Amino acid sequence: MNTAYSTLYIGDLDEQVSEDMLYSVFLKYGQIFSLKIATDLNKKSRGFAFITYLNKTDGINFRGYFKDF
């Protein structure tokens, strides 16, 4: 099976946003392969995350939906 992943950068996150919260929001756009909020050495959010969709088209569809935000 040839799977093409699609990774998105999500920025300007409030420090209260959790990976579970992001997962529930972004899951409706496709199957998520991985999701990680960047943190500092003290585990405090750095305000951005990376979300990787299993299928490239899911990430493309998401980008198209939110291109004007």
PDB file of N, CA and C in Angstrom:
ATOM      1  N   MET A   1       0.843  -1.174   0.000  1.00  0.00           N
ATOM      2  CA  MET A   1       0.000   0.000   0.000  1.00  0.00           C
ATOM      3  C   MET A   1       0.887   1.235   0.000  1.00  0.00           C
ATOM      4  N   ASN A   2       0.648   2.137  -0.929  1.00  0.00           N
ATOM      5  CA  ASN A   2       1.420   3.365  -1.033  1.00  0.00           C
ATOM      6  C   ASN A   2       0.636   4.493  -0.383  1.00  0.00           C
ATOM      7  N   THR A   3       1.026   4.894   0.810  1.00  0.00           N
ATOM      8  CA  THR A   3       0.324   5.929   1.550  1.00  0.00           C
ATOM      9  C   THR A   3       1.128   7.221   1.490  1.00  0.00           C
ATOM     10  N   ALA A   4       0.454   8.297   1.141  1.00  0.00           N
ATOM     11  CA  ALA A   4       1.099   9.606   1.128  1.00  0.00           C
ATOM     12  C   ALA A   4       0.540  10.415   2.288  1.00  0.00           C
ATOM     13  N   TYR A   5       1.406  10.787   3.193  1.00  0.00           N
ATOM     14  CA  TYR A   5       0.985  11.551   4.360  1.00  0.00           C
ATOM     15  C   TYR A   5       0.890  13.035   4.026  1.00  0.00           C
ATOM     16  N   SER A   6       0.168  13.767   4.844  1.00  0.00           N
ATOM     17  CA  SER A   6       0.051  15.216   4.702  1.00  0.00           C
ATOM     18  C   SER A   6       0.162  15.832   6.095  1.00  0.00           C
ATOM     19  N   THR A   7       1.206  16.626   6.314  1.00  0.00           N
ATOM     20  CA  THR A   7       1.433  17.232   7.626  1.00  0.00           C
ATOM     21  C   THR A   7       1.074  18.709   7.580  1.00  0.00           C
ATOM     22  N   LEU A   8       0.312  19.132   8.577  1.00  0.00           N
ATOM     23  CA  LEU A   8      -0.108  20.524   8.689  1.00  0.00           C
ATOM     24  C   LEU A   8       0.526  21.157   9.918  1.00  0.00           C
ATOM     25  N   TYR A   9       0.898  22.411   9.786  1.00  0.00           N
ATOM     26  CA  TYR A   9       1.361  23.217  10.903  1.00  0.00           C
ATOM     27  C   TYR A   9       0.158  24.021  11.381  1.00  0.00           C
ATOM     28  N   ILE A  10      -0.138  23.957  12.673  1.00  0.00           N
ATOM     29  CA  ILE A  10      -1.230  24.721  13.267  1.00  0.00           C
ATOM     30  C   ILE A  10      -0.607  25.666  14.287  1.00  0.00           C
ATOM     31  N   GLY A  11      -0.733  26.956  14.054  1.00  0.00           N
ATOM     32  CA  GLY A  11      -0.087  27.928  14.924  1.00  0.00           C
ATOM     33  C   GLY A  11      -1.069  28.779  15.710  1.00  0.00           C
ATOM     34  N   ASP A  12      -0.520  29.620  16.541  1.00  0.00           N
ATOM     35  CA  ASP A  12      -1.267  30.573  17.358  1.00  0.00           C
ATOM     36  C   ASP A  12      -2.252  29.879  18.296  1.00  0.00           C
ATOM     37  N   LEU A  13      -1.817  28.769  18.875  1.00  0.00           N
ATOM     38  CA  LEU A  13      -2.663  28.028  19.808  1.00  0.00           C
ATOM     39  C   LEU A  13      -2.597  28.636  21.205  1.00  0.00           C
ATOM     40  N   ASP A  14      -3.724  28.700  21.843  1.00  0.00           N
ATOM     41  CA  ASP A  14      -3.766  29.095  23.247  1.00  0.00           C
ATOM     42  C   ASP A  14      -3.078  28.006  24.063  1.00  0.00           C
ATOM     43  N   GLU A  15      -2.414  28.373  25.134  1.00  0.00           N
ATOM     44  CA  GLU A  15      -1.692  27.374  25.928  1.00  0.00           C
ATOM     45  C   GLU A  15      -2.623  26.377  26.616  1.00  0.00           C
ATOM     46  N   GLN A  16      -3.911  26.668  26.665  1.00  0.00           N
ATOM     47  CA  GLN A  16      -4.889  25.757  27.270  1.00  0.00           C
ATOM     48  C   GLN A  16      -5.359  24.662  26.311  1.00  0.00           C
ATOM     49  N   VAL A  17      -5.043  24.784  25.024  1.00  0.00           N
ATOM     50  CA  VAL A  17      -5.454  23.787  24.034  1.00  0.00           C
ATOM     51  C   VAL A  17      -4.653  22.506  24.251  1.00  0.00           C
ATOM     52  N   SER A  18      -5.370  21.384  24.283  1.00  0.00           N
ATOM     53  CA  SER A  18      -4.714  20.088  24.490  1.00  0.00           C
ATOM     54  C   SER A  18      -4.695  19.284  23.186  1.00  0.00           C
ATOM     55  N   GLU A  19      -3.891  18.243  23.165  1.00  0.00           N
ATOM     56  CA  GLU A  19      -3.856  17.364  22.002  1.00  0.00           C
ATOM     57  C   GLU A  19      -5.210  16.682  21.812  1.00  0.00           C
ATOM     58  N   ASP A  20      -5.878  16.325  22.895  1.00  0.00           N
ATOM     59  CA  ASP A  20      -7.206  15.719  22.784  1.00  0.00           C
ATOM     60  C   ASP A  20      -8.201  16.673  22.140  1.00  0.00           C
ATOM     61  N   MET A  21      -8.121  17.951  22.493  1.00  0.00           N
ATOM     62  CA  MET A  21      -9.020  18.944  21.902  1.00  0.00           C
ATOM     63  C   MET A  21      -8.762  19.067  20.398  1.00  0.00           C
ATOM     64  N   LEU A  22      -7.504  19.162  20.020  1.00  0.00           N
ATOM     65  CA  LEU A  22      -7.165  19.260  18.597  1.00  0.00           C
ATOM     66  C   LEU A  22      -7.601  18.017  17.841  1.00  0.00           C
ATOM     67  N   TYR A  23      -7.366  16.871  18.441  1.00  0.00           N
ATOM     68  CA  TYR A  23      -7.732  15.613  17.794  1.00  0.00           C
ATOM     69  C   TYR A  23      -9.228  15.588  17.470  1.00  0.00           C
ATOM     70  N   SER A  24     -10.042  15.976  18.420  1.00  0.00           N
ATOM     71  CA  SER A  24     -11.495  15.922  18.197  1.00  0.00           C
ATOM     72  C   SER A  24     -11.937  16.899  17.117  1.00  0.00           C
ATOM     73  N   VAL A  25     -11.260  18.029  16.997  1.00  0.00           N
ATOM     74  CA  VAL A  25     -11.604  19.011  15.961  1.00  0.00           C
ATOM     75  C   VAL A  25     -11.146  18.545  14.580  1.00  0.00           C
ATOM     76  N   PHE A  26      -9.924  18.051  14.483  1.00  0.00           N
ATOM     77  CA  PHE A  26      -9.335  17.739  13.190  1.00  0.00           C
ATOM     78  C   PHE A  26      -9.699  16.356  12.660  1.00  0.00           C
ATOM     79  N   LEU A  27     -10.193  15.486  13.495  1.00  0.00           N
ATOM     80  CA  LEU A  27     -10.552  14.135  13.061  1.00  0.00           C
ATOM     81  C   LEU A  27     -11.652  14.150  12.007  1.00  0.00           C
ATOM     82  N   LYS A  28     -12.531  15.125  12.049  1.00  0.00           N
ATOM     83  CA  LYS A  28     -13.638  15.162  11.084  1.00  0.00           C
ATOM     84  C   LYS A  28     -13.171  15.410   9.655  1.00  0.00           C
ATOM     85  N   TYR A  29     -11.902  15.804   9.478  1.00  0.00           N
ATOM     86  CA  TYR A  29     -11.379  16.050   8.131  1.00  0.00           C
ATOM     87  C   TYR A  29     -10.612  14.858   7.570  1.00  0.00           C
ATOM     88  N   GLY A  30     -10.410  13.825   8.370  1.00  0.00           N
ATOM     89  CA  GLY A  30      -9.735  12.635   7.881  1.00  0.00           C
ATOM     90  C   GLY A  30      -9.038  11.881   9.004  1.00  0.00           C
ATOM     91  N   GLN A  31      -8.493  10.719   8.645  1.00  0.00           N
ATOM     92  CA  GLN A  31      -7.829   9.868   9.618  1.00  0.00           C
ATOM     93  C   GLN A  31      -6.468  10.461   9.999  1.00  0.00           C
ATOM     94  N   ILE A  32      -6.267  10.686  11.292  1.00  0.00           N
ATOM     95  CA  ILE A  32      -5.039  11.300  11.786  1.00  0.00           C
ATOM     96  C   ILE A  32      -4.000  10.219  12.082  1.00  0.00           C
ATOM     97  N   PHE A  33      -2.807  10.399  11.516  1.00  0.00           N
ATOM     98  CA  PHE A  33      -1.697   9.491  11.755  1.00  0.00           C
ATOM     99  C   PHE A  33      -0.944   9.890  13.025  1.00  0.00           C
ATOM    100  N   SER A  34      -0.709  11.200  13.197  1.00  0.00           N
ATOM    101  CA  SER A  34      -0.050  11.685  14.407  1.00  0.00           C
ATOM    102  C   SER A  34      -0.442  13.137  14.664  1.00  0.00           C
ATOM    103  N   LEU A  35      -0.338  13.513  15.923  1.00  0.00           N
ATOM    104  CA  LEU A  35      -0.645  14.883  16.342  1.00  0.00           C
ATOM    105  C   LEU A  35       0.248  15.204  17.532  1.00  0.00           C
ATOM    106  N   LYS A  36       0.920  16.355  17.477  1.00  0.00           N
ATOM    107  CA  LYS A  36       1.836  16.711  18.555  1.00  0.00           C
ATOM    108  C   LYS A  36       1.864  18.215  18.751  1.00  0.00           C
ATOM    109  N   ILE A  37       1.557  18.655  19.976  1.00  0.00           N
ATOM    110  CA  ILE A  37       1.735  20.054  20.344  1.00  0.00           C
ATOM    111  C   ILE A  37       3.177  20.219  20.810  1.00  0.00           C
ATOM    112  N   ALA A  38       3.869  21.192  20.247  1.00  0.00           N
ATOM    113  CA  ALA A  38       5.250  21.457  20.644  1.00  0.00           C
ATOM    114  C   ALA A  38       5.260  22.043  22.056  1.00  0.00           C
ATOM    115  N   THR A  39       6.166  21.544  22.882  1.00  0.00           N
ATOM    116  CA  THR A  39       6.290  22.023  24.258  1.00  0.00           C
ATOM    117  C   THR A  39       7.741  22.359  24.567  1.00  0.00           C
ATOM    118  N   ASP A  40       7.919  23.179  25.602  1.00  0.00           N
ATOM    119  CA  ASP A  40       9.264  23.480  26.056  1.00  0.00           C
ATOM    120  C   ASP A  40       9.718  22.397  27.035  1.00  0.00           C
ATOM    121  N   LEU A  41      10.867  22.576  27.634  1.00  0.00           N
ATOM    122  CA  LEU A  41      11.401  21.562  28.549  1.00  0.00           C
ATOM    123  C   LEU A  41      10.536  21.362  29.794  1.00  0.00           C
ATOM    124  N   ASN A  42       9.709  22.362  30.114  1.00  0.00           N
ATOM    125  CA  ASN A  42       8.808  22.269  31.270  1.00  0.00           C
ATOM    126  C   ASN A  42       7.421  21.773  30.883  1.00  0.00           C
ATOM    127  N   LYS A  43       7.282  21.280  29.664  1.00  0.00           N
ATOM    128  CA  LYS A  43       6.016  20.744  29.137  1.00  0.00           C
ATOM    129  C   LYS A  43       4.955  21.823  28.903  1.00  0.00           C
ATOM    130  N   LYS A  44       5.373  23.085  28.824  1.00  0.00           N
ATOM    131  CA  LYS A  44       4.453  24.184  28.526  1.00  0.00           C
ATOM    132  C   LYS A  44       4.341  24.322  27.007  1.00  0.00           C
ATOM    133  N   SER A  45       3.110  24.507  26.520  1.00  0.00           N
ATOM    134  CA  SER A  45       2.869  24.648  25.089  1.00  0.00           C
ATOM    135  C   SER A  45       3.671  25.807  24.514  1.00  0.00           C
ATOM    136  N   ARG A  46       4.225  25.584  23.338  1.00  0.00           N
ATOM    137  CA  ARG A  46       4.935  26.640  22.617  1.00  0.00           C
ATOM    138  C   ARG A  46       3.998  27.350  21.637  1.00  0.00           C
ATOM    139  N   GLY A  47       2.705  26.940  21.608  1.00  0.00           N
ATOM    140  CA  GLY A  47       1.712  27.644  20.803  1.00  0.00           C
ATOM    141  C   GLY A  47       1.536  27.141  19.392  1.00  0.00           C
ATOM    142  N   PHE A  48       2.105  25.979  19.082  1.00  0.00           N
ATOM    143  CA  PHE A  48       1.891  25.412  17.750  1.00  0.00           C
ATOM    144  C   PHE A  48       1.891  23.891  17.815  1.00  0.00           C
ATOM    145  N   ALA A  49       1.344  23.296  16.751  1.00  0.00           N
ATOM    146  CA  ALA A  49       1.242  21.835  16.682  1.00  0.00           C
ATOM    147  C   ALA A  49       1.455  21.375  15.252  1.00  0.00           C
ATOM    148  N   PHE A  50       1.742  20.096  15.110  1.00  0.00           N
ATOM    149  CA  PHE A  50       1.818  19.443  13.811  1.00  0.00           C
ATOM    150  C   PHE A  50       0.807  18.307  13.803  1.00  0.00           C
ATOM    151  N   ILE A  51       0.010  18.267  12.756  1.00  0.00           N
ATOM    152  CA  ILE A  51      -0.981  17.208  12.589  1.00  0.00           C
ATOM    153  C   ILE A  51      -0.675  16.528  11.266  1.00  0.00           C
ATOM    154  N   THR A  52      -0.520  15.205  11.311  1.00  0.00           N
ATOM    155  CA  THR A  52      -0.250  14.443  10.094  1.00  0.00           C
ATOM    156  C   THR A  52      -1.445  13.557   9.799  1.00  0.00           C
ATOM    157  N   TYR A  53      -2.024  13.788   8.628  1.00  0.00           N
ATOM    158  CA  TYR A  53      -3.121  12.941   8.158  1.00  0.00           C
ATOM    159  C   TYR A  53      -2.551  11.733   7.430  1.00  0.00           C
ATOM    160  N   LEU A  54      -3.245  10.612   7.543  1.00  0.00           N
ATOM    161  CA  LEU A  54      -2.806   9.381   6.905  1.00  0.00           C
ATOM    162  C   LEU A  54      -2.832   9.515   5.376  1.00  0.00           C
ATOM    163  N   ASN A  55      -3.817  10.209   4.865  1.00  0.00           N
ATOM    164  CA  ASN A  55      -3.959  10.386   3.419  1.00  0.00           C
ATOM    165  C   ASN A  55      -3.704  11.835   3.038  1.00  0.00           C
ATOM    166  N   LYS A  56      -2.912  12.025   2.004  1.00  0.00           N
ATOM    167  CA  LYS A  56      -2.553  13.362   1.552  1.00  0.00           C
ATOM    168  C   LYS A  56      -3.791  14.197   1.226  1.00  0.00           C
ATOM    169  N   THR A  57      -4.798  13.598   0.637  1.00  0.00           N
ATOM    170  CA  THR A  57      -5.993  14.354   0.246  1.00  0.00           C
ATOM    171  C   THR A  57      -6.740  14.924   1.443  1.00  0.00           C
ATOM    172  N   ASP A  58      -6.663  14.277   2.605  1.00  0.00           N
ATOM    173  CA  ASP A  58      -7.324  14.816   3.803  1.00  0.00           C
ATOM    174  C   ASP A  58      -6.700  16.144   4.215  1.00  0.00           C
ATOM    175  N   GLY A  59      -5.409  16.228   4.183  1.00  0.00           N
ATOM    176  CA  GLY A  59      -4.725  17.473   4.517  1.00  0.00           C
ATOM    177  C   GLY A  59      -5.008  18.557   3.496  1.00  0.00           C
ATOM    178  N   ILE A  60      -5.061  18.172   2.234  1.00  0.00           N
ATOM    179  CA  ILE A  60      -5.376  19.134   1.172  1.00  0.00           C
ATOM    180  C   ILE A  60      -6.800  19.648   1.348  1.00  0.00           C
ATOM    181  N   ASN A  61      -7.726  18.764   1.642  1.00  0.00           N
ATOM    182  CA  ASN A  61      -9.114  19.178   1.858  1.00  0.00           C
ATOM    183  C   ASN A  61      -9.221  20.136   3.035  1.00  0.00           C
ATOM    184  N   PHE A  62      -8.499  19.848   4.110  1.00  0.00           N
ATOM    185  CA  PHE A  62      -8.523  20.728   5.277  1.00  0.00           C
ATOM    186  C   PHE A  62      -7.987  22.104   4.917  1.00  0.00           C
ATOM    187  N   ARG A  63      -6.858  22.151   4.228  1.00  0.00           N
ATOM    188  CA  ARG A  63      -6.267  23.438   3.847  1.00  0.00           C
ATOM    189  C   ARG A  63      -7.230  24.249   2.997  1.00  0.00           C
ATOM    190  N   GLY A  64      -7.936  23.586   2.095  1.00  0.00           N
ATOM    191  CA  GLY A  64      -8.898  24.274   1.242  1.00  0.00           C
ATOM    192  C   GLY A  64     -10.053  24.865   2.029  1.00  0.00           C
ATOM    193  N   TYR A  65     -10.485  24.168   3.046  1.00  0.00           N
ATOM    194  CA  TYR A  65     -11.597  24.625   3.857  1.00  0.00           C
ATOM    195  C   TYR A  65     -11.222  25.858   4.679  1.00  0.00           C
ATOM    196  N   PHE A  66      -9.998  25.912   5.186  1.00  0.00           N
ATOM    197  CA  PHE A  66      -9.584  26.979   6.075  1.00  0.00           C
ATOM    198  C   PHE A  66      -8.645  28.007   5.426  1.00  0.00           C
ATOM    199  N   LYS A  67      -8.556  28.034   4.117  1.00  0.00           N
ATOM    200  CA  LYS A  67      -7.588  28.914   3.455  1.00  0.00           C
ATOM    201  C   LYS A  67      -7.819  30.396   3.726  1.00  0.00           C
ATOM    202  N   ASP A  68      -9.048  30.800   4.044  1.00  0.00           N
ATOM    203  CA  ASP A  68      -9.350  32.213   4.252  1.00  0.00           C
ATOM    204  C   ASP A  68      -9.302  32.648   5.709  1.00  0.00           C
ATOM    205  N   PHE A  69      -8.914  31.760   6.625  1.00  0.00           N
ATOM    206  CA  PHE A  69      -8.870  32.102   8.041  1.00  0.00           C
ATOM    207  C   PHE A  69      -7.536  32.668   8.418  1.00  0.00           C
TER     208      PHE A  69
END
